[in-house]
PDB file of N, CA and C in Angstrom:
ATOM      1  N   MET A   1      79.818 -83.011 -44.952  1.00  0.00           N
ATOM      2  CA  MET A   1      79.712 -83.731 -43.813  1.00  0.00           C
ATOM      3  C   MET A   1      79.248 -82.818 -42.492  1.00  0.00           C
ATOM      4  N   ALA A   2      78.333 -81.951 -43.088  1.00  0.00           N
ATOM      5  CA  ALA A   2      78.210 -80.601 -41.628  1.00  0.00           C
ATOM      6  C   ALA A   2      76.305 -81.350 -40.928  1.00  0.00           C
ATOM      7  N   ASP A   3      75.659 -81.749 -42.042  1.00  0.00           N
ATOM      8  CA  ASP A   3      74.362 -81.916 -41.312  1.00  0.00           C
ATOM      9  C   ASP A   3      74.018 -83.417 -40.944  1.00  0.00           C
ATOM     10  N   GLU A   4      74.672 -84.419 -41.354  1.00  0.00           N
ATOM     11  CA  GLU A   4      74.344 -85.734 -41.197  1.00  0.00           C
ATOM     12  C   GLU A   4      74.551 -86.140 -40.248  1.00  0.00           C
ATOM     13  N   LYS A   5      72.701 -87.365 -40.165  1.00  0.00           N
ATOM     14  CA  LYS A   5      72.828 -87.964 -38.904  1.00  0.00           C
ATOM     15  C   LYS A   5      72.576 -89.080 -39.344  1.00  0.00           C
ATOM     16  N   ILE A   6      72.570 -90.225 -38.282  1.00  0.00           N
ATOM     17  CA  ILE A   6      72.339 -92.062 -38.166  1.00  0.00           C
ATOM     18  C   ILE A   6      70.449 -91.774 -38.271  1.00  0.00           C
ATOM     19  N   LEU A   7      70.450 -92.109 -39.657  1.00  0.00           N
ATOM     20  CA  LEU A   7      68.852 -92.634 -39.819  1.00  0.00           C
ATOM     21  C   LEU A   7      68.297 -93.728 -39.448  1.00  0.00           C
ATOM     22  N   MET A   8      69.457 -94.818 -39.423  1.00  0.00           N
ATOM     23  CA  MET A   8      68.769 -96.246 -39.086  1.00  0.00           C
ATOM     24  C   MET A   8      69.889 -96.736 -39.043  1.00  0.00           C
ATOM     25  N   VAL A   9      69.654 -97.845 -37.931  1.00  0.00           N
ATOM     26  CA  VAL A   9      70.630 -99.459 -37.409  1.00  0.00           C
ATOM     27  C   VAL A   9      69.544-100.666 -37.991  1.00  0.00           C
ATOM     28  N   MET A  10      70.559-101.020 -38.709  1.00  0.00           N
ATOM     29  CA  MET A  10      69.649-102.319 -39.126  1.00  0.00           C
ATOM     30  C   MET A  10      70.228-103.724 -38.213  1.00  0.00           C
ATOM     31  N   MET A  11      69.337-104.701 -37.752  1.00  0.00           N
ATOM     32  CA  MET A  11      69.966-105.282 -36.698  1.00  0.00           C
ATOM     33  C   MET A  11      69.678-106.855 -36.953  1.00  0.00           C
ATOM     34  N   ALA A  12      70.088-108.128 -37.012  1.00  0.00           N
ATOM     35  CA  ALA A  12      69.420-109.831 -37.675  1.00  0.00           C
ATOM     36  C   ALA A  12      69.299-109.724 -35.657  1.00  0.00           C
ATOM     37  N   VAL A  13      67.640-110.340 -36.289  1.00  0.00           N
ATOM     38  CA  VAL A  13      67.220-112.006 -35.044  1.00  0.00           C
ATOM     39  C   VAL A  13      67.147-113.223 -35.972  1.00  0.00           C
ATOM     40  N   THR A  14      66.941-113.568 -34.577  1.00  0.00           N
ATOM     41  CA  THR A  14      66.532-114.800 -35.201  1.00  0.00           C
ATOM     42  C   THR A  14      65.492-115.472 -35.062  1.00  0.00           C
ATOM     43  N   ASP A  15      64.348-115.159 -34.072  1.00  0.00           N
ATOM     44  CA  ASP A  15      62.631-115.212 -33.801  1.00  0.00           C
ATOM     45  C   ASP A  15      62.208-113.308 -34.195  1.00  0.00           C
ATOM     46  N   MET A  16      61.609-113.082 -34.941  1.00  0.00           N
ATOM     47  CA  MET A  16      60.938-111.898 -35.093  1.00  0.00           C
ATOM     48  C   MET A  16      59.965-111.219 -34.044  1.00  0.00           C
ATOM     49  N   ALA A  17      59.177-112.375 -33.710  1.00  0.00           N
ATOM     50  CA  ALA A  17      57.800-112.303 -32.962  1.00  0.00           C
ATOM     51  C   ALA A  17      58.519-111.754 -31.589  1.00  0.00           C
ATOM     52  N   LYS A  18      59.232-112.613 -31.082  1.00  0.00           N
ATOM     53  CA  LYS A  18      60.022-112.124 -29.628  1.00  0.00           C
ATOM     54  C   LYS A  18      60.794-111.056 -29.531  1.00  0.00           C
ATOM     55  N   ALA A  19      61.524-110.785 -31.013  1.00  0.00           N
ATOM     56  CA  ALA A  19      61.997-109.472 -31.012  1.00  0.00           C
ATOM     57  C   ALA A  19      61.394-108.347 -31.145  1.00  0.00           C
ATOM     58  N   LYS A  20      60.562-108.566 -31.722  1.00  0.00           N
ATOM     59  CA  LYS A  20      59.166-107.278 -31.950  1.00  0.00           C
ATOM     60  C   LYS A  20      58.512-107.244 -30.651  1.00  0.00           C
ATOM     61  N   ALA A  21      58.333-108.094 -29.904  1.00  0.00           N
ATOM     62  CA  ALA A  21      57.526-108.198 -28.939  1.00  0.00           C
ATOM     63  C   ALA A  21      58.705-107.950 -27.752  1.00  0.00           C
ATOM     64  N   PHE A  22      59.640-107.583 -27.837  1.00  0.00           N
ATOM     65  CA  PHE A  22      60.291-106.817 -26.248  1.00  0.00           C
ATOM     66  C   PHE A  22      61.169-105.852 -26.837  1.00  0.00           C
ATOM     67  N   TYR A  23      60.779-105.789 -28.106  1.00  0.00           N
ATOM     68  CA  TYR A  23      61.261-104.174 -28.071  1.00  0.00           C
ATOM     69  C   TYR A  23      60.018-102.971 -28.319  1.00  0.00           C
ATOM     70  N   ALA A  24      58.958-104.022 -28.556  1.00  0.00           N
ATOM     71  CA  ALA A  24      57.435-102.890 -28.421  1.00  0.00           C
ATOM     72  C   ALA A  24      57.095-102.978 -27.167  1.00  0.00           C
ATOM     73  N   GLU A  25      57.266-104.569 -27.011  1.00  0.00           N
ATOM     74  CA  GLU A  25      56.147-104.306 -25.466  1.00  0.00           C
ATOM     75  C   GLU A  25      56.845-103.678 -23.911  1.00  0.00           C
ATOM     76  N   GLN A  26      57.773-104.168 -24.240  1.00  0.00           N
ATOM     77  CA  GLN A  26      58.987-104.423 -23.078  1.00  0.00           C
ATOM     78  C   GLN A  26      59.498-103.474 -22.824  1.00  0.00           C
ATOM     79  N   LEU A  27      60.456-102.431 -24.165  1.00  0.00           N
ATOM     80  CA  LEU A  27      61.041-101.044 -24.306  1.00  0.00           C
ATOM     81  C   LEU A  27      59.888-100.036 -24.532  1.00  0.00           C
ATOM     82  N   GLY A  28      58.819-100.521 -24.599  1.00  0.00           N
ATOM     83  CA  GLY A  28      58.100 -99.214 -25.410  1.00  0.00           C
ATOM     84  C   GLY A  28      58.252 -98.358 -26.965  1.00  0.00           C
ATOM     85  N   TRP A  29      59.598 -98.910 -27.406  1.00  0.00           N
ATOM     86  CA  TRP A  29      59.289 -98.413 -28.900  1.00  0.00           C
ATOM     87  C   TRP A  29      58.363 -98.656 -29.823  1.00  0.00           C
ATOM     88  N   SER A  30      58.033 -97.397 -30.594  1.00  0.00           N
ATOM     89  CA  SER A  30      56.822 -97.878 -31.510  1.00  0.00           C
ATOM     90  C   SER A  30      57.105 -98.367 -33.021  1.00  0.00           C
ATOM     91  N   VAL A  31      56.420 -99.347 -33.550  1.00  0.00           N
ATOM     92  CA  VAL A  31      56.592 -99.930 -34.766  1.00  0.00           C
ATOM     93  C   VAL A  31      56.300 -98.899 -35.755  1.00  0.00           C
ATOM     94  N   THR A  32      56.841 -98.859 -36.973  1.00  0.00           N
ATOM     95  CA  THR A  32      56.318 -97.875 -37.263  1.00  0.00           C
ATOM     96  C   THR A  32      56.571 -98.610 -38.720  1.00  0.00           C
ATOM     97  N   GLN A  33      57.073-100.177 -38.855  1.00  0.00           N
ATOM     98  CA  GLN A  33      56.398-100.390 -40.567  1.00  0.00           C
ATOM     99  C   GLN A  33      57.374-102.305 -40.035  1.00  0.00           C
ATOM    100  N   ASP A  34      56.487-103.027 -40.309  1.00  0.00           N
ATOM    101  CA  ASP A  34      56.501-104.564 -40.529  1.00  0.00           C
ATOM    102  C   ASP A  34      55.972-104.902 -41.707  1.00  0.00           C
ATOM    103  N   TYR A  35      56.825-105.970 -42.147  1.00  0.00           N
ATOM    104  CA  TYR A  35      57.041-106.016 -43.801  1.00  0.00           C
ATOM    105  C   TYR A  35      57.665-107.577 -43.445  1.00  0.00           C
ATOM    106  N   GLY A  36      56.469-108.399 -44.619  1.00  0.00           N
ATOM    107  CA  GLY A  36      57.542-109.666 -44.572  1.00  0.00           C
ATOM    108  C   GLY A  36      56.611-110.818 -44.118  1.00  0.00           C
ATOM    109  N   GLN A  37      57.346-111.832 -43.797  1.00  0.00           N
ATOM    110  CA  GLN A  37      57.400-112.411 -43.017  1.00  0.00           C
ATOM    111  C   GLN A  37      58.549-113.711 -43.056  1.00  0.00           C
ATOM    112  N   GLY A  38      58.276-114.725 -42.086  1.00  0.00           N
ATOM    113  CA  GLY A  38      59.396-115.663 -42.097  1.00  0.00           C
ATOM    114  C   GLY A  38      60.897-114.921 -42.511  1.00  0.00           C
ATOM    115  N   ASP A  39      61.728-115.716 -43.327  1.00  0.00           N
ATOM    116  CA  ASP A  39      62.899-115.541 -43.458  1.00  0.00           C
ATOM    117  C   ASP A  39      63.602-114.173 -44.494  1.00  0.00           C
ATOM    118  N   TYR A  40      62.335-113.691 -44.915  1.00  0.00           N
ATOM    119  CA  TYR A  40      62.144-111.672 -45.494  1.00  0.00           C
ATOM    120  C   TYR A  40      61.087-111.103 -44.509  1.00  0.00           C
ATOM    121  N   HIS A  41      61.437-110.689 -43.809  1.00  0.00           N
ATOM    122  CA  HIS A  41      61.117-109.836 -42.259  1.00  0.00           C
ATOM    123  C   HIS A  41      62.120-108.689 -41.589  1.00  0.00           C
ATOM    124  N   TRP A  42      60.839-107.902 -41.806  1.00  0.00           N
ATOM    125  CA  TRP A  42      62.226-106.697 -41.258  1.00  0.00           C
ATOM    126  C   TRP A  42      60.464-106.220 -40.453  1.00  0.00           C
ATOM    127  N   VAL A  43      60.905-105.345 -39.317  1.00  0.00           N
ATOM    128  CA  VAL A  43      60.062-104.575 -38.529  1.00  0.00           C
ATOM    129  C   VAL A  43      60.938-103.141 -38.277  1.00  0.00           C
ATOM    130  N   SER A  44      60.685-101.820 -38.188  1.00  0.00           N
ATOM    131  CA  SER A  44      61.535-100.933 -37.820  1.00  0.00           C
ATOM    132  C   SER A  44      60.546-100.236 -36.924  1.00  0.00           C
ATOM    133  N   LEU A  45      61.190 -99.757 -35.646  1.00  0.00           N
ATOM    134  CA  LEU A  45      60.843 -99.222 -34.409  1.00  0.00           C
ATOM    135  C   LEU A  45      61.342 -97.747 -34.238  1.00  0.00           C
ATOM    136  N   SER A  46      60.571 -97.128 -33.704  1.00  0.00           N
ATOM    137  CA  SER A  46      60.766 -95.403 -33.433  1.00  0.00           C
ATOM    138  C   SER A  46      61.009 -95.523 -31.481  1.00  0.00           C
ATOM    139  N   LEU A  47      62.118 -94.104 -31.337  1.00  0.00           N
ATOM    140  CA  LEU A  47      62.386 -94.690 -29.888  1.00  0.00           C
ATOM    141  C   LEU A  47      61.373 -93.442 -29.545  1.00  0.00           C
ATOM    142  N   PRO A  48      60.985 -93.583 -28.282  1.00  0.00           N
ATOM    143  CA  PRO A  48      60.069 -92.297 -27.629  1.00  0.00           C
ATOM    144  C   PRO A  48      61.026 -90.684 -27.866  1.00  0.00           C
ATOM    145  N   GLY A  49      62.172 -91.032 -27.567  1.00  0.00           N
ATOM    146  CA  GLY A  49      62.987 -89.619 -28.291  1.00  0.00           C
ATOM    147  C   GLY A  49      63.338 -88.895 -29.338  1.00  0.00           C
ATOM    148  N   GLY A  50      62.752 -90.007 -30.187  1.00  0.00           N
ATOM    149  CA  GLY A  50      63.004 -89.737 -31.695  1.00  0.00           C
ATOM    150  C   GLY A  50      64.440 -90.064 -32.033  1.00  0.00           C
ATOM    151  N   GLY A  51      65.162 -89.723 -33.471  1.00  0.00           N
ATOM    152  CA  GLY A  51      66.586 -89.987 -33.694  1.00  0.00           C
ATOM    153  C   GLY A  51      66.240 -91.098 -34.472  1.00  0.00           C
ATOM    154  N   ALA A  52      67.752 -92.277 -34.828  1.00  0.00           N
ATOM    155  CA  ALA A  52      67.491 -92.946 -35.713  1.00  0.00           C
ATOM    156  C   ALA A  52      66.576 -94.231 -35.194  1.00  0.00           C
ATOM    157  N   SER A  53      66.393 -94.620 -36.051  1.00  0.00           N
ATOM    158  CA  SER A  53      65.453 -95.489 -35.763  1.00  0.00           C
ATOM    159  C   SER A  53      65.817 -97.573 -36.017  1.00  0.00           C
ATOM    160  N   LEU A  54      65.499 -98.130 -35.301  1.00  0.00           N
ATOM    161  CA  LEU A  54      66.250 -99.589 -35.426  1.00  0.00           C
ATOM    162  C   LEU A  54      64.770-100.488 -36.154  1.00  0.00           C
ATOM    163  N   THR A  55      65.899-101.307 -37.788  1.00  0.00           N
ATOM    164  CA  THR A  55      65.419-102.049 -37.847  1.00  0.00           C
ATOM    165  C   THR A  55      65.853-103.597 -37.596  1.00  0.00           C
ATOM    166  N   LEU A  56      64.991-104.228 -37.357  1.00  0.00           N
ATOM    167  CA  LEU A  56      64.933-105.771 -37.100  1.00  0.00           C
ATOM    168  C   LEU A  56      64.449-106.298 -38.464  1.00  0.00           C
ATOM    169  N   SER A  57      65.764-107.448 -38.551  1.00  0.00           N
ATOM    170  CA  SER A  57      65.248-108.219 -40.369  1.00  0.00           C
ATOM    171  C   SER A  57      65.874-109.520 -39.782  1.00  0.00           C
ATOM    172  N   THR A  58      65.426-110.681 -40.474  1.00  0.00           N
ATOM    173  CA  THR A  58      65.494-111.857 -40.694  1.00  0.00           C
ATOM    174  C   THR A  58      66.507-112.330 -41.795  1.00  0.00           C
ATOM    175  N   MET A  59      66.977-110.985 -42.638  1.00  0.00           N
ATOM    176  CA  MET A  59      67.498-111.452 -43.576  1.00  0.00           C
ATOM    177  C   MET A  59      68.829-110.442 -43.294  1.00  0.00           C
ATOM    178  N   HIS A  60      70.127-111.930 -42.746  1.00  0.00           N
ATOM    179  CA  HIS A  60      70.703-111.409 -42.305  1.00  0.00           C
ATOM    180  C   HIS A  60      71.997-111.064 -42.969  1.00  0.00           C
ATOM    181  N   GLU A  61      72.004-111.556 -44.229  1.00  0.00           N
ATOM    182  CA  GLU A  61      73.120-111.376 -45.002  1.00  0.00           C
ATOM    183  C   GLU A  61      74.475-111.698 -43.987  1.00  0.00           C
ATOM    184  N   HIS A  62      75.447-110.960 -43.800  1.00  0.00           N
ATOM    185  CA  HIS A  62      76.442-110.713 -43.169  1.00  0.00           C
ATOM    186  C   HIS A  62      76.543-110.781 -41.926  1.00  0.00           C
ATOM    187  N   MET A  63      75.106-110.048 -41.564  1.00  0.00           N
ATOM    188  CA  MET A  63      74.749-109.931 -39.877  1.00  0.00           C
ATOM    189  C   MET A  63      75.097-111.463 -39.138  1.00  0.00           C
ATOM    190  N   LYS A  64      75.200-111.116 -37.959  1.00  0.00           N
ATOM    191  CA  LYS A  64      74.876-112.543 -37.164  1.00  0.00           C
ATOM    192  C   LYS A  64      74.178-111.998 -35.875  1.00  0.00           C
ATOM    193  N   PRO A  65      72.964-112.514 -35.281  1.00  0.00           N
ATOM    194  CA  PRO A  65      72.600-112.338 -34.346  1.00  0.00           C
ATOM    195  C   PRO A  65      73.228-112.353 -33.378  1.00  0.00           C
ATOM    196  N   GLY A  66      72.807-111.474 -32.192  1.00  0.00           N
ATOM    197  CA  GLY A  66      73.396-111.382 -31.251  1.00  0.00           C
ATOM    198  C   GLY A  66      74.912-110.617 -30.492  1.00  0.00           C
ATOM    199  N   THR A  67      75.662-109.882 -32.030  1.00  0.00           N
ATOM    200  CA  THR A  67      76.995-109.363 -31.998  1.00  0.00           C
ATOM    201  C   THR A  67      76.743-107.591 -32.147  1.00  0.00           C
ATOM    202  N   MET A  68      75.464-106.917 -31.786  1.00  0.00           N
ATOM    203  CA  MET A  68      75.965-106.126 -31.524  1.00  0.00           C
ATOM    204  C   MET A  68      76.042-105.344 -29.977  1.00  0.00           C
ATOM    205  N   ASN A  69      76.649-104.311 -30.140  1.00  0.00           N
ATOM    206  CA  ASN A  69      76.650-103.400 -28.730  1.00  0.00           C
ATOM    207  C   ASN A  69      76.052-102.058 -29.600  1.00  0.00           C
ATOM    208  N   LEU A  70      75.243-101.205 -28.159  1.00  0.00           N
ATOM    209  CA  LEU A  70      74.890 -99.858 -29.005  1.00  0.00           C
ATOM    210  C   LEU A  70      74.223 -99.084 -27.585  1.00  0.00           C
ATOM    211  N   TYR A  71      74.647 -98.332 -27.562  1.00  0.00           N
ATOM    212  CA  TYR A  71      74.424 -97.309 -26.391  1.00  0.00           C
ATOM    213  C   TYR A  71      73.273 -96.581 -26.473  1.00  0.00           C
ATOM    214  N   LEU A  72      72.458 -95.953 -25.460  1.00  0.00           N
ATOM    215  CA  LEU A  72      71.326 -95.157 -25.342  1.00  0.00           C
ATOM    216  C   LEU A  72      71.364 -94.320 -24.261  1.00  0.00           C
ATOM    217  N   SER A  73      70.824 -92.955 -24.461  1.00  0.00           N
ATOM    218  CA  SER A  73      71.431 -92.100 -23.498  1.00  0.00           C
ATOM    219  C   SER A  73      69.934 -91.249 -23.001  1.00  0.00           C
ATOM    220  N   THR A  74      69.986 -91.542 -21.455  1.00  0.00           N
ATOM    221  CA  THR A  74      69.008 -90.709 -20.654  1.00  0.00           C
ATOM    222  C   THR A  74      69.375 -90.222 -20.019  1.00  0.00           C
ATOM    223  N   SER A  75      68.170 -89.617 -19.792  1.00  0.00           N
ATOM    224  CA  SER A  75      68.839 -87.937 -18.939  1.00  0.00           C
ATOM    225  C   SER A  75      68.399 -88.132 -17.240  1.00  0.00           C
ATOM    226  N   ASN A  76      67.643 -89.956 -17.272  1.00  0.00           N
ATOM    227  CA  ASN A  76      67.513 -89.898 -15.563  1.00  0.00           C
ATOM    228  C   ASN A  76      67.824 -91.205 -15.324  1.00  0.00           C
ATOM    229  N   ILE A  77      68.876 -91.633 -15.347  1.00  0.00           N
ATOM    230  CA  ILE A  77      69.103 -93.017 -15.508  1.00  0.00           C
ATOM    231  C   ILE A  77      68.554 -94.129 -14.008  1.00  0.00           C
ATOM    232  N   GLU A  78      67.463 -93.464 -12.800  1.00  0.00           N
ATOM    233  CA  GLU A  78      67.535 -94.345 -12.222  1.00  0.00           C
ATOM    234  C   GLU A  78      66.080 -94.756 -12.541  1.00  0.00           C
ATOM    235  N   ALA A  79      65.482 -93.727 -13.254  1.00  0.00           N
ATOM    236  CA  ALA A  79      64.154 -93.930 -14.244  1.00  0.00           C
ATOM    237  C   ALA A  79      63.769 -94.877 -14.958  1.00  0.00           C
ATOM    238  N   ALA A  80      64.743 -94.444 -15.594  1.00  0.00           N
ATOM    239  CA  ALA A  80      65.346 -95.698 -16.601  1.00  0.00           C
ATOM    240  C   ALA A  80      64.925 -97.315 -16.022  1.00  0.00           C
ATOM    241  N   TYR A  81      65.952 -97.131 -15.246  1.00  0.00           N
ATOM    242  CA  TYR A  81      66.632 -98.501 -14.907  1.00  0.00           C
ATOM    243  C   TYR A  81      64.641 -99.308 -14.453  1.00  0.00           C
ATOM    244  N   ASN A  82      64.859 -97.998 -13.627  1.00  0.00           N
ATOM    245  CA  ASN A  82      62.985 -99.154 -12.537  1.00  0.00           C
ATOM    246  C   ASN A  82      62.471 -99.107 -13.712  1.00  0.00           C
ATOM    247  N   GLN A  83      61.800 -98.512 -14.468  1.00  0.00           N
ATOM    248  CA  GLN A  83      60.785 -98.577 -15.659  1.00  0.00           C
ATOM    249  C   GLN A  83      61.665-100.052 -16.373  1.00  0.00           C
ATOM    250  N   LEU A  84      62.367-100.206 -16.577  1.00  0.00           N
ATOM    251  CA  LEU A  84      62.397-101.558 -17.409  1.00  0.00           C
ATOM    252  C   LEU A  84      62.367-102.805 -16.649  1.00  0.00           C
ATOM    253  N   LYS A  85      63.206-102.212 -15.437  1.00  0.00           N
ATOM    254  CA  LYS A  85      62.898-103.529 -14.657  1.00  0.00           C
ATOM    255  C   LYS A  85      61.432-103.736 -14.104  1.00  0.00           C
ATOM    256  N   ALA A  86      60.460-102.838 -13.787  1.00  0.00           N
ATOM    257  CA  ALA A  86      58.998-103.041 -13.694  1.00  0.00           C
ATOM    258  C   ALA A  86      58.370-104.022 -15.183  1.00  0.00           C
ATOM    259  N   LYS A  87      59.358-103.595 -16.507  1.00  0.00           N
ATOM    260  CA  LYS A  87      58.632-104.215 -17.076  1.00  0.00           C
ATOM    261  C   LYS A  87      59.225-105.445 -17.296  1.00  0.00           C
ATOM    262  N   ASP A  88      59.329-106.530 -16.480  1.00  0.00           N
ATOM    263  CA  ASP A  88      60.557-107.698 -16.191  1.00  0.00           C
ATOM    264  C   ASP A  88      61.432-107.597 -17.527  1.00  0.00           C
ATOM    265  N   VAL A  89      62.407-106.601 -17.716  1.00  0.00           N
ATOM    266  CA  VAL A  89      63.297-105.950 -18.280  1.00  0.00           C
ATOM    267  C   VAL A  89      64.489-107.102 -17.445  1.00  0.00           C
ATOM    268  N   LYS A  90      65.530-108.026 -18.001  1.00  0.00           N
ATOM    269  CA  LYS A  90      66.131-108.245 -16.799  1.00  0.00           C
ATOM    270  C   LYS A  90      67.249-107.295 -17.050  1.00  0.00           C
ATOM    271  N   VAL A  91      68.024-106.410 -16.458  1.00  0.00           N
ATOM    272  CA  VAL A  91      68.461-105.250 -16.392  1.00  0.00           C
ATOM    273  C   VAL A  91      69.803-105.758 -15.224  1.00  0.00           C
ATOM    274  N   ASN A  92      71.071-105.323 -15.371  1.00  0.00           N
ATOM    275  CA  ASN A  92      72.180-105.597 -14.618  1.00  0.00           C
ATOM    276  C   ASN A  92      71.951-104.040 -13.732  1.00  0.00           C
ATOM    277  N   GLU A  93      72.501-104.107 -12.699  1.00  0.00           N
ATOM    278  CA  GLU A  93      72.621-103.048 -11.507  1.00  0.00           C
ATOM    279  C   GLU A  93      73.429-101.322 -12.181  1.00  0.00           C
ATOM    280  N   VAL A  94      72.631-100.237 -11.810  1.00  0.00           N
ATOM    281  CA  VAL A  94      73.088 -99.163 -12.216  1.00  0.00           C
ATOM    282  C   VAL A  94      74.700 -98.723 -12.020  1.00  0.00           C
ATOM    283  N   LYS A  95      75.845 -98.929 -12.272  1.00  0.00           N
ATOM    284  CA  LYS A  95      77.334 -98.247 -11.828  1.00  0.00           C
ATOM    285  C   LYS A  95      77.475 -97.093 -12.667  1.00  0.00           C
ATOM    286  N   ASP A  96      78.706 -96.937 -12.334  1.00  0.00           N
ATOM    287  CA  ASP A  96      79.191 -95.328 -12.255  1.00  0.00           C
ATOM    288  C   ASP A  96      80.847 -95.413 -12.763  1.00  0.00           C
ATOM    289  N   ASP A  97      80.895 -96.109 -13.373  1.00  0.00           N
ATOM    290  CA  ASP A  97      82.128 -95.874 -14.116  1.00  0.00           C
ATOM    291  C   ASP A  97      82.385 -96.393 -15.536  1.00  0.00           C
ATOM    292  N   LEU A  98      81.558 -95.918 -16.433  1.00  0.00           N
ATOM    293  CA  LEU A  98      81.289 -96.133 -17.844  1.00  0.00           C
ATOM    294  C   LEU A  98      82.458 -96.140 -18.234  1.00  0.00           C
ATOM    295  N   TYR A  99      83.803 -95.064 -17.927  1.00  0.00           N
ATOM    296  CA  TYR A  99      84.955 -94.615 -18.884  1.00  0.00           C
ATOM    297  C   TYR A  99      86.094 -94.958 -18.199  1.00  0.00           C
ATOM    298  N   GLY A 100      85.306 -95.748 -16.581  1.00  0.00           N
ATOM    299  CA  GLY A 100      86.962 -96.582 -16.238  1.00  0.00           C
ATOM    300  C   GLY A 100      86.444 -95.928 -14.432  1.00  0.00           C
ATOM    301  N   PRO A 101      86.956 -96.810 -13.665  1.00  0.00           N
ATOM    302  CA  PRO A 101      87.733 -95.999 -12.487  1.00  0.00           C
ATOM    303  C   PRO A 101      87.220 -94.225 -12.186  1.00  0.00           C
ATOM    304  N   GLY A 102      85.704 -94.174 -11.337  1.00  0.00           N
ATOM    305  CA  GLY A 102      86.231 -92.759 -11.151  1.00  0.00           C
ATOM    306  C   GLY A 102      85.557 -91.817 -11.882  1.00  0.00           C
ATOM    307  N   SER A 103      85.046 -92.327 -12.771  1.00  0.00           N
ATOM    308  CA  SER A 103      84.411 -91.484 -14.735  1.00  0.00           C
ATOM    309  C   SER A 103      83.094 -90.883 -13.982  1.00  0.00           C
ATOM    310  N   GLY A 104      82.502 -91.279 -12.841  1.00  0.00           N
ATOM    311  CA  GLY A 104      80.896 -90.888 -12.414  1.00  0.00           C
ATOM    312  C   GLY A 104      80.115 -90.814 -13.275  1.00  0.00           C
ATOM    313  N   VAL A 105      80.205 -91.873 -14.602  1.00  0.00           N
ATOM    314  CA  VAL A 105      79.137 -91.523 -15.582  1.00  0.00           C
ATOM    315  C   VAL A 105      78.106 -92.781 -15.252  1.00  0.00           C
ATOM    316  N   LYS A 106      77.193 -92.451 -15.084  1.00  0.00           N
ATOM    317  CA  LYS A 106      76.545 -93.778 -14.403  1.00  0.00           C
ATOM    318  C   LYS A 106      75.812 -94.523 -16.294  1.00  0.00           C
ATOM    319  N   TRP A 107      75.671 -95.831 -15.566  1.00  0.00           N
ATOM    320  CA  TRP A 107      75.221 -96.740 -16.933  1.00  0.00           C
ATOM    321  C   TRP A 107      74.866 -98.258 -16.277  1.00  0.00           C
ATOM    322  N   PHE A 108      74.218 -99.001 -17.237  1.00  0.00           N
ATOM    323  CA  PHE A 108      73.637-100.223 -16.730  1.00  0.00           C
ATOM    324  C   PHE A 108      72.864-100.557 -18.063  1.00  0.00           C
ATOM    325  N   ASP A 109      73.292-102.293 -17.802  1.00  0.00           N
ATOM    326  CA  ASP A 109      73.258-103.022 -19.344  1.00  0.00           C
ATOM    327  C   ASP A 109      71.817-104.161 -19.643  1.00  0.00           C
ATOM    328  N   LEU A 110      71.613-104.146 -20.676  1.00  0.00           N
ATOM    329  CA  LEU A 110      70.829-105.132 -20.743  1.00  0.00           C
ATOM    330  C   LEU A 110      70.860-106.114 -22.288  1.00  0.00           C
ATOM    331  N   ARG A 111      70.181-107.318 -22.170  1.00  0.00           N
ATOM    332  CA  ARG A 111      70.309-108.262 -23.737  1.00  0.00           C
ATOM    333  C   ARG A 111      68.828-108.159 -23.843  1.00  0.00           C
ATOM    334  N   ASP A 112      69.037-107.758 -25.158  1.00  0.00           N
ATOM    335  CA  ASP A 112      67.919-108.167 -26.066  1.00  0.00           C
ATOM    336  C   ASP A 112      67.541-109.852 -26.415  1.00  0.00           C
ATOM    337  N   PRO A 113      66.603-110.617 -26.725  1.00  0.00           N
ATOM    338  CA  PRO A 113      66.241-112.022 -26.900  1.00  0.00           C
ATOM    339  C   PRO A 113      67.437-112.223 -28.062  1.00  0.00           C
ATOM    340  N   ASP A 114      68.127-112.126 -28.469  1.00  0.00           N
ATOM    341  CA  ASP A 114      69.273-112.737 -29.568  1.00  0.00           C
ATOM    342  C   ASP A 114      70.581-112.516 -28.578  1.00  0.00           C
ATOM    343  N   GLY A 115      70.378-111.995 -27.963  1.00  0.00           N
ATOM    344  CA  GLY A 115      71.639-111.410 -26.829  1.00  0.00           C
ATOM    345  C   GLY A 115      72.698-110.013 -27.352  1.00  0.00           C
ATOM    346  N   ASN A 116      72.208-109.054 -28.053  1.00  0.00           N
ATOM    347  CA  ASN A 116      72.535-107.810 -28.220  1.00  0.00           C
ATOM    348  C   ASN A 116      72.766-107.123 -26.951  1.00  0.00           C
ATOM    349  N   ARG A 117      73.805-106.385 -27.001  1.00  0.00           N
ATOM    350  CA  ARG A 117      73.969-105.365 -25.708  1.00  0.00           C
ATOM    351  C   ARG A 117      73.343-104.179 -25.732  1.00  0.00           C
ATOM    352  N   TRP A 118      72.954-103.565 -24.836  1.00  0.00           N
ATOM    353  CA  TRP A 118      72.457-102.790 -24.983  1.00  0.00           C
ATOM    354  C   TRP A 118      72.947-101.704 -23.500  1.00  0.00           C
ATOM    355  N   LEU A 119      73.454-100.360 -23.964  1.00  0.00           N
ATOM    356  CA  LEU A 119      74.173 -99.794 -22.258  1.00  0.00           C
ATOM    357  C   LEU A 119      73.148 -98.515 -22.253  1.00  0.00           C
ATOM    358  N   VAL A 120      72.322 -98.305 -21.428  1.00  0.00           N
ATOM    359  CA  VAL A 120      72.201 -97.439 -20.920  1.00  0.00           C
ATOM    360  C   VAL A 120      73.257 -96.253 -20.222  1.00  0.00           C
ATOM    361  N   VAL A 121      73.161 -95.290 -20.798  1.00  0.00           N
ATOM    362  CA  VAL A 121      74.377 -94.160 -19.799  1.00  0.00           C
ATOM    363  C   VAL A 121      73.299 -92.813 -19.629  1.00  0.00           C
ATOM    364  N   GLN A 122      73.475 -92.965 -18.415  1.00  0.00           N
ATOM    365  CA  GLN A 122      73.325 -91.505 -17.940  1.00  0.00           C
ATOM    366  C   GLN A 122      73.965 -89.644 -18.921  1.00  0.00           C
ATOM    367  N   SER A 123      72.755 -89.034 -19.180  1.00  0.00           N
ATOM    368  CA  SER A 123      73.566 -87.855 -19.903  1.00  0.00           C
ATOM    369  C   SER A 123      73.457 -86.640 -19.904  1.00  0.00           C
TER     370      SER A 123
END
């Protein structure tokens, strides 16, 4: 398993229109696929920096909306914070202790409309 990487992460959502608007309009991710409707709807998005895609799904199976903790890395934590805040994303203040007091790793967090938590970490 030397060259594997995560291709996609699937996340359960309750209101697809609200979730799609949050990720596409407020976070600025690109919609790459939008298929289905109602209880059978999924939307795939790609991040500006590439990597694994995020697929939002109303087909929950065993997933529960609002139960995920996900991490994003950024090279400029202050710029990321200010950009999201300018788009009216509710972000918590930047802290410098992701790995405990004195770790010096800057981060902040936010929640999507379903309550899933995203931690944005200085890389």
